[in-house]
Amino acid sequence: MANDVRKRSTNKGNTQKNISRTRINRQAKKKQQSYIKSHKRKKRFRFNIKRKAGFYLDYSLMFIMLLLIGVGLVMVYSSSSTTKETIFDILKSQVLFAVVGIFFMILEARIVDYHIYSKKWVSYGLYIFSLFLVLLLLTPLGKNVNGATRWIGLGSFSFMPVEVVKVGVIAALSFRIVNLGDRMKNTFSLFWLWFFYGVVPAGLLYVISNNLSSAIIISGMCFIITFVAFPGYKPFAAVVGVGGVGATLLVTRLVSTLNSGNNFRHARILAWLHPEDYADNKAYQTIHGLYAIGSGGLFGKGLGKSMVKIKLPEAYNDMIFTIICEELGLFGALCVLLAFGVLLWRIAHVAKNAPDLLGALLCTGVFAHISLQVLVNIAVVTNTIPNTGVTLPFISKGGTALLILLMEMGVVFNVSSQIKDELNE
């Protein structure tokens, strides 16, 4: 009898232990499922404005970006004081695009998840649409300005499709690299990416709009993004080596045929090598830009007191950095360059700590876009390379360029906010 009671109590205890273990297992499974669901939600669109983990804003990145925009508005105002258009009309257009761009930037940073670019129809659709806009330059919508058809005119509004192409390349190339996965280690895949997302859009731009500088920038963007994603260095070293040798041979060939060539690129190279001989035509902007840089001194002549802007046509566009050097001096120019350095450092920091590869590549694309454009613009105004029509990001006048840049920054802010979300969880 006593043995039966002991057996029953033992069985009862074992049953309770099994029940408690089952409950613990169920609770663990529920927690695991809720954890998986919470991470799956990150890949969906975030239409709700208030995120559960809170919204993190990179204040240093925001401050330096707004500082550059503010400097740009002030310098556009100062540089346009001698133009035929009224200062109010020029500044009003730039302020309007800045406000609209900041609005869209906040929308992208706060509401639209950057994983929207992991959708095939979004990334490829944006890329194909941008190439379609370039083809529209061949239609009556193409607008010829200063001998080059680089604008699409829609009534009183006009824009440059090359700015949309830059966004399309960043989105489509980042999506394609993420989808390749381990196949990205294949050198053939790397060369295919270079061709389809570098050579094709750059070649199309060069052939249709004769825009060599933008073609070089887009090729450079593709090169930098793939350099970050590819595990090896040999293909990049080979391309740089072959490209360096080819460029040397090309420059040697061009210099040897300069006097006999009638091409406008020959004239540009001659004006670059001997600007003093072409001060009245091809090197007019370069010579006066160098005068402005040299006459600014250490602290400049003072805001609004530039003399060179009277002679420079549309000084608020490509040559605005020369006006900064003249009015604010070497100190002001170095401060602007330092601001760009801090901006790029923060973007690189976001790319390095991004939650996934897609976010890292998108931020890398924005980094490549801004850095290459700054380098080319500064090199042009200092006559380090031949003159090309590349604006200074956030500072030069140009509504389309500013709008696109701010939308790109919205993606960077969105990625940085999700880094904080990962830490909170």
Protein backbone atom coordinates (compact mmCIF):
# COMPACT_ATOMS: atom_id res chain seq x y z
CA MET A 1 0.00 0.00 0.00
CA ALA A 2 2.78 2.39 0.96
CA ASN A 3 4.64 1.53 -2.25
CA ASP A 4 1.56 2.38 -4.34
CA VAL A 5 1.24 5.78 -2.65
CA ARG A 6 4.91 6.51 -3.31
CA LYS A 7 4.59 5.53 -6.98
CA ARG A 8 1.52 7.74 -7.41
CA SER A 9 3.27 10.75 -5.81
CA THR A 10 6.34 10.17 -7.97
CA ASN A 11 4.23 9.94 -11.14
CA LYS A 12 2.33 13.06 -10.11
CA GLY A 13 5.61 14.94 -9.56
CA ASN A 14 6.96 13.81 -12.93
CA THR A 15 3.72 14.90 -14.62
CA GLN A 16 3.95 18.37 -13.05
CA LYS A 17 7.58 18.65 -14.16
CA ASN A 18 6.62 17.69 -17.73
CA ILE A 19 3.80 20.26 -17.72
CA SER A 20 6.13 23.00 -16.47
CA ARG A 21 8.72 22.07 -19.10
CA THR A 22 6.05 22.18 -21.81
CA ARG A 23 4.96 25.63 -20.64
CA ILE A 24 8.55 26.86 -20.68
CA ASN A 25 9.06 25.48 -24.18
CA ARG A 26 5.86 27.12 -25.40
CA GLN A 27 6.88 30.45 -23.91
CA ALA A 28 10.33 30.17 -25.50
CA LYS A 29 8.76 29.41 -28.89
CA LYS A 30 6.43 32.39 -28.56
CA LYS A 31 9.34 34.68 -27.73
CA GLN A 32 11.32 33.31 -30.67
CA GLN A 33 8.37 33.78 -33.04
CA SER A 34 7.75 37.35 -31.82
CA TYR A 35 11.47 38.12 -32.25
CA ILE A 36 11.41 36.79 -35.83
CA LYS A 37 8.23 38.74 -36.61
CA SER A 38 9.70 41.96 -35.25
CA HIS A 39 12.72 41.57 -37.52
CA LYS A 40 10.55 40.69 -40.51
CA ARG A 41 8.61 43.90 -39.99
CA LYS A 42 11.80 45.82 -40.63
CA LYS A 43 11.71 44.66 -44.23
CA ARG A 44 8.24 46.10 -44.75
CA PHE A 45 7.31 49.70 -45.39
CA ARG A 46 7.07 51.77 -42.24
CA PHE A 47 4.01 53.87 -42.83
CA ASN A 48 3.63 54.64 -39.14
CA ILE A 49 5.41 57.85 -38.19
CA LYS A 50 6.28 56.82 -34.62
CA ARG A 51 8.58 53.83 -34.49
CA LYS A 52 8.38 51.44 -31.56
CA ALA A 53 12.06 51.80 -30.71
CA GLY A 54 11.97 55.56 -31.20
CA PHE A 55 13.46 57.61 -34.00
CA TYR A 56 17.17 58.33 -33.82
CA LEU A 57 18.53 61.39 -35.65
CA ASP A 58 22.21 61.85 -36.43
CA TYR A 59 22.40 65.45 -35.25
CA SER A 60 26.01 66.02 -36.30
CA LEU A 61 25.23 64.88 -39.86
CA MET A 62 22.09 67.01 -39.96
CA PHE A 63 23.89 70.08 -38.62
CA ILE A 64 26.77 69.92 -41.10
CA MET A 65 24.39 69.34 -44.02
CA LEU A 66 22.20 72.33 -43.07
CA LEU A 67 25.35 74.41 -42.59
CA LEU A 68 26.47 73.65 -46.16
CA ILE A 69 23.00 74.47 -47.52
CA GLY A 70 23.02 77.75 -45.59
CA VAL A 71 26.47 78.67 -46.92
CA GLY A 72 25.23 77.81 -50.40
CA LEU A 73 22.19 80.08 -50.13
CA VAL A 74 24.32 82.98 -48.86
CA MET A 75 26.91 82.55 -51.60
CA VAL A 76 24.27 82.19 -54.33
CA TYR A 77 22.76 85.46 -53.08
CA SER A 78 26.18 87.13 -53.09
CA SER A 79 27.23 85.74 -56.50
CA SER A 80 23.99 86.68 -58.26
CA SER A 81 24.04 90.37 -57.29
CA THR A 82 25.34 91.40 -60.74
CA THR A 83 23.16 89.22 -63.00
CA LYS A 84 20.38 90.34 -65.31
CA GLU A 85 17.86 88.34 -63.31
CA THR A 86 16.73 89.81 -60.04
CA ILE A 87 18.41 88.48 -56.93
CA PHE A 88 14.99 87.63 -55.49
CA ASP A 89 14.07 85.34 -58.41
CA ILE A 90 17.37 83.42 -58.27
CA LEU A 91 17.35 83.05 -54.49
CA LYS A 92 13.63 82.22 -54.40
CA SER A 93 14.15 79.27 -56.75
CA GLN A 94 17.04 77.88 -54.69
CA VAL A 95 15.20 78.35 -51.37
CA LEU A 96 12.10 76.66 -52.80
CA PHE A 97 14.04 73.60 -53.93
CA ALA A 98 15.86 73.49 -50.58
CA VAL A 99 12.56 73.51 -48.64
CA VAL A 100 10.96 70.88 -50.91
CA GLY A 101 14.11 68.75 -50.74
CA ILE A 102 14.22 68.88 -46.93
CA PHE A 103 10.55 67.89 -46.82
CA PHE A 104 11.17 64.81 -48.98
CA MET A 105 14.31 64.04 -46.99
CA ILE A 106 12.27 63.96 -43.76
CA LEU A 107 9.68 61.72 -45.43
CA GLU A 108 12.36 59.26 -46.51
CA ALA A 109 14.14 59.35 -43.17
CA ARG A 110 11.04 59.10 -41.01
CA ILE A 111 8.42 57.09 -42.89
CA VAL A 112 9.77 55.19 -45.91
CA ASP A 113 12.07 52.31 -44.99
CA TYR A 114 15.22 52.07 -47.12
CA HIS A 115 14.42 48.38 -47.66
CA ILE A 116 12.01 49.61 -50.31
CA TYR A 117 15.06 49.43 -52.58
CA SER A 118 15.21 45.69 -51.96
CA LYS A 119 12.11 45.46 -54.16
CA LYS A 120 13.09 44.56 -57.70
CA TRP A 121 10.46 46.73 -59.33
CA VAL A 122 11.58 49.80 -57.35
CA SER A 123 15.34 49.59 -57.96
CA TYR A 124 15.26 48.38 -61.56
CA GLY A 125 12.28 50.59 -62.32
CA LEU A 126 14.15 53.67 -61.11
CA TYR A 127 17.23 52.71 -63.14
CA ILE A 128 15.28 52.07 -66.36
CA PHE A 129 13.25 55.26 -65.86
CA SER A 130 16.45 57.31 -65.48
CA LEU A 131 17.85 55.92 -68.75
CA PHE A 132 14.52 56.68 -70.42
CA LEU A 133 14.87 60.30 -69.29
CA VAL A 134 18.29 60.46 -70.97
CA LEU A 135 16.73 59.19 -74.21
CA LEU A 136 14.16 61.99 -73.98
CA LEU A 137 17.02 64.42 -74.66
CA LEU A 138 16.81 63.27 -78.30
CA THR A 139 13.18 64.43 -78.51
CA PRO A 140 11.86 68.01 -78.77
CA LEU A 141 11.77 68.01 -74.95
CA GLY A 142 15.59 68.23 -74.97
CA LYS A 143 16.70 71.77 -74.19
CA ASN A 144 19.92 73.16 -75.66
CA VAL A 145 21.82 75.43 -73.24
CA ASN A 146 25.23 76.87 -74.15
CA GLY A 147 25.62 74.44 -77.05
CA ALA A 148 24.85 71.24 -75.08
CA THR A 149 21.55 69.35 -74.79
CA ARG A 150 21.56 68.30 -71.14
CA TRP A 151 18.21 69.60 -69.92
CA ILE A 152 14.61 68.43 -70.31
CA GLY A 153 12.20 71.33 -70.55
CA LEU A 154 8.59 71.02 -69.36
CA GLY A 155 7.16 74.49 -69.80
CA SER A 156 8.87 76.86 -67.40
CA PHE A 157 10.39 73.95 -65.46
CA SER A 158 13.57 72.19 -66.60
CA PHE A 159 15.80 69.56 -65.02
CA MET A 160 18.92 67.50 -65.78
CA PRO A 161 18.20 63.75 -66.16
CA VAL A 162 21.80 62.94 -65.20
CA GLU A 163 20.91 63.61 -61.55
CA VAL A 164 18.18 60.95 -61.71
CA VAL A 165 20.62 58.54 -63.39
CA LYS A 166 22.96 58.82 -60.38
CA VAL A 167 20.15 57.75 -58.04
CA GLY A 168 19.12 54.94 -60.37
CA VAL A 169 22.66 53.58 -60.53
CA ILE A 170 23.04 53.64 -56.72
CA ALA A 171 19.69 51.87 -56.14
CA ALA A 172 19.92 49.25 -58.90
CA LEU A 173 23.60 48.41 -58.33
CA SER A 174 23.12 48.04 -54.56
CA PHE A 175 20.09 45.78 -55.08
CA ARG A 176 21.92 43.63 -57.63
CA ILE A 177 24.99 43.15 -55.40
CA VAL A 178 22.78 42.08 -52.46
CA ASN A 179 20.96 39.57 -54.69
CA LEU A 180 24.21 38.11 -56.02
CA GLY A 181 25.29 37.00 -52.55
CA ASP A 182 28.29 34.65 -52.74
CA ARG A 183 28.32 35.00 -56.55
CA MET A 184 29.74 38.48 -55.99
CA LYS A 185 33.10 36.77 -55.39
CA ASN A 186 33.14 35.83 -59.08
CA THR A 187 35.24 38.22 -61.18
CA PHE A 188 32.91 37.74 -64.14
CA SER A 189 30.01 39.09 -62.07
CA LEU A 190 32.14 42.10 -61.15
CA PHE A 191 32.91 42.95 -64.79
CA TRP A 192 29.27 42.48 -65.70
CA LEU A 193 28.25 44.98 -63.00
CA TRP A 194 30.83 47.46 -64.26
CA PHE A 195 29.47 47.14 -67.78
CA PHE A 196 25.74 47.26 -67.05
CA TYR A 197 25.74 49.89 -64.29
CA GLY A 198 28.84 51.87 -65.22
CA VAL A 199 29.64 51.71 -68.92
CA VAL A 200 26.04 51.67 -70.20
CA PRO A 201 24.70 54.79 -68.39
CA ALA A 202 28.01 56.67 -68.74
CA GLY A 203 28.25 55.86 -72.45
CA LEU A 204 24.64 56.82 -73.02
CA LEU A 205 25.16 60.17 -71.31
CA TYR A 206 28.33 60.88 -73.25
CA VAL A 207 26.89 59.98 -76.64
CA ILE A 208 23.54 61.77 -76.23
CA SER A 209 24.39 64.81 -74.08
CA ASN A 210 28.17 65.01 -74.64
CA ASN A 211 28.53 65.17 -70.84
CA LEU A 212 31.95 63.63 -70.20
CA SER A 213 32.30 64.86 -66.61
CA SER A 214 29.03 63.28 -65.44
CA ALA A 215 29.92 60.08 -67.29
CA ILE A 216 33.21 59.92 -65.37
CA ILE A 217 31.43 60.55 -62.04
CA ILE A 218 28.88 57.77 -62.68
CA SER A 219 31.64 55.34 -63.67
CA GLY A 220 33.52 56.29 -60.49
CA MET A 221 30.41 55.72 -58.36
CA CYS A 222 30.01 52.23 -59.83
CA PHE A 223 33.71 51.51 -59.23
CA ILE A 224 33.60 52.61 -55.56
CA ILE A 225 30.39 50.70 -54.71
CA THR A 226 31.71 47.47 -56.22
CA PHE A 227 35.09 48.02 -54.52
CA VAL A 228 33.33 48.01 -51.14
CA ALA A 229 31.30 44.89 -51.95
CA PHE A 230 33.95 42.77 -53.70
CA PRO A 231 36.26 40.76 -51.37
CA GLY A 232 39.41 41.04 -53.54
CA TYR A 233 41.62 43.83 -54.86
CA LYS A 234 43.29 42.40 -57.96
CA PRO A 235 40.58 43.32 -60.54
CA PHE A 236 40.51 46.90 -59.26
CA ALA A 237 44.30 47.19 -59.32
CA ALA A 238 44.31 45.84 -62.87
CA VAL A 239 41.65 48.31 -64.01
CA VAL A 240 43.45 51.24 -62.35
CA GLY A 241 46.75 50.18 -63.95
CA VAL A 242 45.29 49.69 -67.43
CA GLY A 243 43.26 52.89 -67.07
CA GLY A 244 46.33 54.87 -66.01
CA VAL A 245 48.37 53.62 -68.96
CA GLY A 246 45.46 54.26 -71.35
CA ALA A 247 44.92 57.78 -70.01
CA THR A 248 48.63 58.55 -70.36
CA LEU A 249 48.67 57.34 -73.96
CA LEU A 250 45.48 59.26 -74.72
CA VAL A 251 46.80 62.52 -73.27
CA THR A 252 50.09 62.05 -75.14
CA ARG A 253 48.18 61.47 -78.36
CA LEU A 254 45.96 64.49 -77.80
CA VAL A 255 48.87 66.78 -76.96
CA SER A 256 50.69 65.68 -80.13
CA THR A 257 47.65 66.51 -82.30
CA LEU A 258 46.46 69.64 -80.50
CA ASN A 259 47.57 72.12 -83.11
CA SER A 260 45.96 70.18 -85.97
CA GLY A 261 42.71 69.31 -84.20
CA ASN A 262 39.54 71.39 -84.53
CA ASN A 263 37.55 69.49 -81.91
CA PHE A 264 36.28 71.56 -78.99
CA ARG A 265 37.93 69.09 -76.58
CA HIS A 266 41.27 69.88 -78.20
CA ALA A 267 40.55 73.55 -77.56
CA ARG A 268 39.67 72.83 -73.93
CA ILE A 269 42.91 70.93 -73.37
CA LEU A 270 44.90 73.77 -74.96
CA ALA A 271 43.09 76.25 -72.73
CA TRP A 272 43.91 74.06 -69.74
CA LEU A 273 47.60 73.80 -70.58
CA HIS A 274 48.00 77.45 -71.64
CA PRO A 275 45.12 79.44 -70.10
CA GLU A 276 46.89 82.76 -70.61
CA ASP A 277 46.75 82.28 -74.41
CA TYR A 278 42.98 81.71 -74.37
CA ALA A 279 41.97 84.25 -71.72
CA ASP A 280 39.37 85.85 -74.00
CA ASN A 281 37.44 82.71 -74.94
CA LYS A 282 37.97 79.10 -73.80
CA ALA A 283 39.95 79.93 -70.64
CA TYR A 284 37.94 83.03 -69.71
CA GLN A 285 36.29 81.41 -66.67
CA THR A 286 39.47 79.64 -65.59
CA ILE A 287 41.63 82.79 -65.68
CA HIS A 288 39.12 84.92 -63.76
CA GLY A 289 38.53 82.09 -61.29
CA LEU A 290 42.25 81.91 -60.55
CA TYR A 291 42.29 85.71 -60.15
CA ALA A 292 39.49 85.40 -57.59
CA ILE A 293 41.28 82.66 -55.65
CA GLY A 294 44.54 84.60 -55.59
CA SER A 295 43.03 87.96 -54.65
CA GLY A 296 41.08 86.65 -51.67
CA GLY A 297 44.07 86.42 -49.39
CA LEU A 298 43.81 84.82 -45.97
CA PHE A 299 40.42 86.16 -44.81
CA GLY A 300 38.95 87.51 -48.06
CA LYS A 301 37.58 90.86 -49.18
CA GLY A 302 34.34 90.45 -47.28
CA LEU A 303 30.94 89.00 -48.06
CA GLY A 304 29.44 90.58 -51.18
CA LYS A 305 32.62 92.47 -52.13
CA SER A 306 33.83 90.21 -54.94
CA MET A 307 34.97 92.00 -58.09
CA VAL A 308 35.47 88.93 -60.27
CA LYS A 309 31.77 87.98 -60.12
CA ILE A 310 31.08 91.06 -62.26
CA LYS A 311 33.01 89.45 -65.13
CA LEU A 312 32.13 85.81 -64.54
CA PRO A 313 28.89 84.70 -66.24
CA GLU A 314 26.66 82.75 -63.83
CA ALA A 315 29.30 82.72 -61.10
CA TYR A 316 26.79 81.02 -58.78
CA ASN A 317 27.04 77.75 -60.75
CA ASP A 318 30.29 75.86 -61.39
CA MET A 319 32.65 78.65 -60.28
CA ILE A 320 31.02 79.50 -56.96
CA PHE A 321 34.00 78.14 -55.01
CA THR A 322 36.19 80.88 -56.54
CA ILE A 323 33.79 83.51 -55.16
CA ILE A 324 34.02 81.84 -51.75
CA CYS A 325 37.82 82.09 -51.95
CA GLU A 326 37.67 85.77 -52.94
CA GLU A 327 35.07 86.92 -50.40
CA LEU A 328 35.92 84.62 -47.47
CA GLY A 329 39.58 83.99 -48.24
CA LEU A 330 41.66 80.90 -47.68
CA PHE A 331 40.20 80.51 -44.20
CA GLY A 332 36.62 80.40 -45.50
CA ALA A 333 37.53 78.00 -48.32
CA LEU A 334 39.23 75.61 -45.87
CA CYS A 335 36.20 75.77 -43.57
CA VAL A 336 33.95 74.73 -46.48
CA LEU A 337 36.29 71.86 -47.37
CA LEU A 338 36.42 70.83 -43.70
CA ALA A 339 32.60 70.80 -43.60
CA PHE A 340 32.54 68.49 -46.63
CA GLY A 341 35.12 66.28 -44.92
CA VAL A 342 32.99 65.97 -41.77
CA LEU A 343 29.88 65.27 -43.87
CA LEU A 344 31.62 62.48 -45.77
CA TRP A 345 33.09 61.06 -42.55
CA ARG A 346 29.62 60.81 -40.99
CA ILE A 347 28.19 59.15 -44.11
CA ALA A 348 31.07 56.65 -44.12
CA HIS A 349 30.41 55.99 -40.42
CA VAL A 350 26.75 55.21 -41.17
CA ALA A 351 27.76 52.94 -44.06
CA LYS A 352 30.24 51.06 -41.86
CA ASN A 353 27.66 50.42 -39.11
CA ALA A 354 24.60 49.84 -41.33
CA PRO A 355 22.23 47.03 -40.23
CA ASP A 356 22.73 45.12 -43.50
CA LEU A 357 24.59 45.12 -46.80
CA LEU A 358 21.88 47.03 -48.67
CA GLY A 359 22.05 49.96 -46.26
CA ALA A 360 25.85 49.98 -46.40
CA LEU A 361 25.90 50.03 -50.22
CA LEU A 362 23.27 52.77 -50.48
CA CYS A 363 25.28 54.99 -48.11
CA THR A 364 28.46 54.14 -50.02
CA GLY A 365 26.78 55.30 -53.23
CA VAL A 366 25.82 58.63 -51.66
CA PHE A 367 29.36 58.98 -50.30
CA ALA A 368 30.83 58.32 -53.77
CA HIS A 369 28.45 60.77 -55.45
CA ILE A 370 29.23 63.69 -53.13
CA SER A 371 32.98 63.06 -52.80
CA LEU A 372 33.61 62.67 -56.54
CA GLN A 373 31.60 65.77 -57.38
CA VAL A 374 33.45 67.86 -54.79
CA LEU A 375 36.84 66.61 -56.03
CA VAL A 376 36.04 67.30 -59.69
CA ASN A 377 34.62 70.78 -58.97
CA ILE A 378 37.61 71.86 -56.84
CA ALA A 379 40.03 70.42 -59.42
CA VAL A 380 38.33 72.38 -62.20
CA VAL A 381 38.29 75.78 -60.47
CA THR A 382 41.97 75.40 -59.52
CA ASN A 383 42.81 74.40 -63.13
CA THR A 384 44.09 70.99 -62.02
CA ILE A 385 41.97 69.32 -64.73
CA PRO A 386 40.30 70.75 -67.88
CA ASN A 387 37.10 72.74 -67.36
CA THR A 388 33.93 70.67 -67.02
CA GLY A 389 30.40 71.57 -65.99
CA VAL A 390 30.20 70.00 -62.51
CA THR A 391 28.53 71.89 -59.66
CA LEU A 392 29.61 71.99 -56.01
CA PRO A 393 27.15 69.86 -53.96
CA PHE A 394 24.73 71.75 -51.66
CA ILE A 395 26.35 75.11 -52.53
CA SER A 396 26.10 75.79 -56.28
CA LYS A 397 22.80 76.95 -57.71
CA GLY A 398 20.80 74.10 -59.20
CA GLY A 399 17.39 73.01 -58.00
CA THR A 400 17.42 69.48 -59.45
CA ALA A 401 20.86 68.68 -58.05
CA LEU A 402 19.96 70.00 -54.58
CA LEU A 403 16.65 68.13 -54.53
CA ILE A 404 18.28 64.82 -55.51
CA LEU A 405 21.09 65.28 -52.98
CA LEU A 406 18.64 65.90 -50.15
CA MET A 407 16.62 62.82 -51.10
CA GLU A 408 19.83 60.78 -51.05
CA MET A 409 20.58 62.18 -47.60
CA GLY A 410 17.12 61.05 -46.53
CA VAL A 411 18.17 57.47 -47.27
CA VAL A 412 21.34 57.96 -45.20
CA PHE A 413 19.32 59.29 -42.26
CA ASN A 414 16.94 56.34 -42.57
CA VAL A 415 19.82 53.87 -42.42
CA SER A 416 21.38 55.67 -39.43
CA SER A 417 18.07 55.61 -37.55
CA GLN A 418 17.82 51.85 -37.97
CA ILE A 419 21.31 51.40 -36.58
CA LYS A 420 19.92 52.91 -33.38
CA ASP A 421 16.87 50.64 -33.62
CA GLU A 422 19.18 47.61 -33.63
CA LEU A 423 20.96 48.87 -30.52
CA ASN A 424 17.66 49.49 -28.68
CA GLU A 425 16.49 45.95 -29.34
